[in-house]
Amino acid sequence: MVCSMAYWVDYTFRHIDDSNISVEISTADFHPDGHLFATGTGNSALIYDIRTTVIGADFKLGGTVSSMSFSENGFWLAIALKGGTDVQIWDLRKMTQTKALEIGSKVDAVKWDYTGQYLATGGQAGISVQAYSKSTKSWSEPLRTAVSAVSTAWGDSAASLVAVDSQGVLTWLGIREG
């Protein structure tokens, strides 16, 4: 989709500003605080302050963004590039890429859980869940499955994960009780 005009509205849905954007937007996500809006483009991720419509950050990426997701605490932004097999983790406090998680297969979708501890990645080859440990400041992979996914969504307390594939098939992954 090519967006030549963006309309910014406040909570009463009154039109408050026009901003010309002359780049192709491939994906977008709102920051949990509601004040920042990120767009993935052909070669960067742009983060706007929606109160001022000013670009607050422009992360040069070297490829088209296929998916992005803000962590719930608002500190991190996960970015996957089209055709890429890794996920870039950007620290918004430092405005730097802090980690590149190699998934080993093409990543089409990324989604943080509510706690910001788990990051789901999805692609044609399957889903993986990457877990961050604050105490050791390290990453692990507690789940990898061959369930294809173009998009994922987390359930309550990261106890379940729903995926949809390119054919529209929904798959629910969850913790078995009992």
Protein backbone atom coordinates (compact mmCIF):
# COMPACT_ATOMS: atom_id res chain seq x y z
CA MET A 1 0.00 0.00 0.00
CA VAL A 2 1.25 3.47 -0.81
CA CYS A 3 0.18 6.16 1.59
CA SER A 4 0.38 9.67 0.22
CA MET A 5 -1.62 11.33 2.98
CA ALA A 6 -2.05 10.38 6.61
CA TYR A 7 -4.78 11.78 8.81
CA TRP A 8 -4.09 12.24 12.50
CA VAL A 9 -7.12 12.32 14.78
CA ASP A 10 -7.52 12.86 18.49
CA TYR A 11 -9.69 10.73 20.78
CA THR A 12 -12.86 12.55 19.73
CA PHE A 13 -12.04 11.54 16.15
CA ARG A 14 -11.79 15.11 14.96
CA HIS A 15 -9.34 15.68 12.14
CA ILE A 16 -6.33 17.46 13.63
CA ASP A 17 -3.52 17.26 11.08
CA ASP A 18 -2.49 16.12 7.61
CA SER A 19 0.97 14.69 7.15
CA ASN A 20 2.33 13.86 3.73
CA ILE A 21 4.10 10.52 3.68
CA SER A 22 5.58 9.63 0.31
CA VAL A 23 6.91 6.18 1.16
CA GLU A 24 5.41 2.73 0.79
CA ILE A 25 4.21 1.47 4.17
CA SER A 26 4.42 -2.28 4.66
CA THR A 27 3.35 -2.55 8.33
CA ALA A 28 2.62 -0.41 11.37
CA ASP A 29 2.20 -0.63 15.14
CA PHE A 30 1.15 1.65 18.01
CA HIS A 31 3.38 2.04 21.06
CA PRO A 32 1.64 0.92 24.30
CA ASP A 33 1.52 4.51 25.60
CA GLY A 34 -0.49 5.53 22.52
CA HIS A 35 1.78 8.48 21.75
CA LEU A 36 4.10 6.80 19.25
CA PHE A 37 3.26 5.19 15.94
CA ALA A 38 5.80 3.13 13.97
CA THR A 39 5.64 2.41 10.26
CA GLY A 40 7.72 -0.07 8.34
CA THR A 41 8.85 1.14 4.93
CA GLY A 42 11.06 -0.02 2.09
CA ASN A 43 14.30 0.57 3.95
CA SER A 44 13.57 1.85 7.45
CA ALA A 45 11.25 1.99 10.42
CA LEU A 46 9.88 5.44 11.14
CA ILE A 47 8.57 6.30 14.59
CA TYR A 48 6.19 9.26 14.81
CA ASP A 49 5.08 11.21 17.84
CA ILE A 50 1.37 11.41 17.07
CA ARG A 51 0.90 14.45 19.31
CA THR A 52 3.18 16.52 17.07
CA THR A 53 3.28 14.30 13.91
CA VAL A 54 7.07 14.69 13.98
CA ILE A 55 9.32 11.75 13.09
CA GLY A 56 11.13 10.92 16.33
CA ALA A 57 13.31 8.12 14.95
CA ASP A 58 14.33 6.69 11.61
CA PHE A 59 15.97 3.26 11.91
CA LYS A 60 17.82 2.45 8.66
CA LEU A 61 17.36 -1.26 8.06
CA GLY A 62 18.49 -2.22 4.57
CA GLY A 63 15.26 -4.01 3.64
CA THR A 64 11.48 -3.85 3.64
CA VAL A 65 9.86 -4.38 7.03
CA SER A 66 7.43 -7.33 7.05
CA SER A 67 6.38 -7.03 10.70
CA MET A 68 7.05 -5.01 13.84
CA SER A 69 5.88 -5.11 17.43
CA PHE A 70 6.46 -2.87 20.44
CA SER A 71 7.07 -4.61 23.77
CA GLU A 72 4.39 -3.83 26.35
CA ASN A 73 6.81 -1.90 28.58
CA GLY A 74 7.59 0.24 25.54
CA PHE A 75 11.37 -0.23 25.74
CA TRP A 76 11.84 -2.52 22.73
CA LEU A 77 10.72 -2.72 19.13
CA ALA A 78 11.04 -6.07 17.33
CA ILE A 79 11.44 -5.84 13.55
CA ALA A 80 11.44 -8.55 10.88
CA LEU A 81 12.50 -7.82 7.31
CA LYS A 82 10.88 -9.45 4.27
CA GLY A 83 12.76 -12.61 3.36
CA GLY A 84 14.94 -12.36 6.49
CA THR A 85 15.63 -15.14 8.98
CA ASP A 86 16.40 -12.93 11.95
CA VAL A 87 14.55 -10.48 14.16
CA GLN A 88 16.11 -7.17 15.10
CA ILE A 89 15.52 -5.95 18.65
CA TRP A 90 15.79 -2.15 18.97
CA ASP A 91 16.14 -0.45 22.36
CA LEU A 92 14.03 2.72 22.20
CA ARG A 93 15.74 4.20 25.26
CA LYS A 94 19.11 4.16 23.48
CA MET A 95 17.77 4.24 19.90
CA THR A 96 20.10 1.39 18.93
CA GLN A 97 19.76 -2.18 17.76
CA THR A 98 20.66 -4.30 20.77
CA LYS A 99 20.20 -7.82 19.41
CA ALA A 100 19.61 -9.78 16.22
CA LEU A 101 17.88 -13.06 17.03
CA GLU A 102 18.65 -15.66 14.34
CA ILE A 103 15.50 -17.78 13.91
CA GLY A 104 16.83 -20.09 11.18
CA SER A 105 13.84 -19.76 8.85
CA LYS A 106 12.03 -16.90 7.13
CA VAL A 107 10.18 -14.65 9.60
CA ASP A 108 6.94 -13.03 8.39
CA ALA A 109 5.47 -11.93 11.74
CA VAL A 110 6.64 -10.86 15.19
CA LYS A 111 4.54 -10.26 18.30
CA TRP A 112 5.50 -9.51 21.92
CA ASP A 113 3.39 -10.93 24.74
CA TYR A 114 1.92 -8.68 27.44
CA THR A 115 4.89 -9.14 29.80
CA GLY A 116 7.52 -8.26 27.20
CA GLN A 117 9.36 -11.45 28.09
CA TYR A 118 8.21 -13.59 25.15
CA LEU A 119 8.45 -12.80 21.45
CA ALA A 120 6.57 -14.98 18.96
CA THR A 121 7.94 -15.25 15.44
CA GLY A 122 5.95 -16.78 12.62
CA GLY A 123 6.66 -17.82 9.07
CA GLN A 124 5.93 -20.47 6.47
CA ALA A 125 8.31 -22.92 8.20
CA GLY A 126 6.72 -22.50 11.62
CA ILE A 127 6.47 -20.58 14.88
CA SER A 128 9.16 -20.01 17.45
CA VAL A 129 8.96 -18.30 20.80
CA GLN A 130 11.99 -16.39 22.02
CA ALA A 131 12.20 -15.72 25.78
CA TYR A 132 14.22 -12.97 27.44
CA SER A 133 15.54 -13.46 30.97
CA LYS A 134 16.08 -10.18 32.83
CA SER A 135 18.23 -11.82 35.50
CA THR A 136 20.76 -13.29 33.03
CA LYS A 137 20.12 -10.78 30.21
CA SER A 138 19.99 -13.68 27.78
CA TRP A 139 17.63 -15.18 25.22
CA SER A 140 16.36 -18.74 24.93
CA GLU A 141 13.88 -20.59 22.71
CA PRO A 142 11.27 -22.45 24.80
CA LEU A 143 9.07 -23.33 21.80
CA ARG A 144 9.51 -24.20 18.14
CA THR A 145 6.74 -25.80 16.12
CA ALA A 146 6.12 -26.50 12.42
CA VAL A 147 2.77 -24.64 12.53
CA SER A 148 2.88 -22.14 9.65
CA ALA A 149 1.88 -18.56 10.56
CA VAL A 150 1.51 -15.21 8.82
CA SER A 151 0.28 -13.62 12.06
CA THR A 152 0.13 -14.49 15.76
CA ALA A 153 -1.61 -13.18 18.88
CA TRP A 154 -0.96 -13.95 22.54
CA GLY A 155 -3.56 -15.09 25.06
CA ASP A 156 -3.70 -14.21 28.76
CA SER A 157 -0.39 -14.41 30.64
CA ALA A 158 1.38 -15.82 27.56
CA ALA A 159 -0.30 -19.16 28.31
CA SER A 160 -1.59 -19.48 24.75
CA LEU A 161 -0.71 -18.38 21.26
CA VAL A 162 -3.06 -18.21 18.30
CA ALA A 163 -1.69 -18.34 14.76
CA VAL A 164 -3.27 -17.91 11.35
CA ASP A 165 -1.62 -19.30 8.22
CA SER A 166 -1.81 -18.05 4.63
CA GLN A 167 -4.85 -20.27 3.98
CA GLY A 168 -6.79 -18.76 6.91
CA VAL A 169 -6.40 -21.78 9.19
CA LEU A 170 -6.33 -20.84 12.89
CA THR A 171 -4.17 -22.85 15.25
CA TRP A 172 -4.31 -22.49 19.03
CA LEU A 173 -1.22 -23.43 21.02
CA GLY A 174 -1.58 -23.55 24.77
CA ILE A 175 -0.36 -24.98 28.01
CA ARG A 176 -2.11 -28.23 28.85
CA GLU A 177 -3.72 -28.10 32.30
CA GLY A 178 -3.71 -31.01 34.70
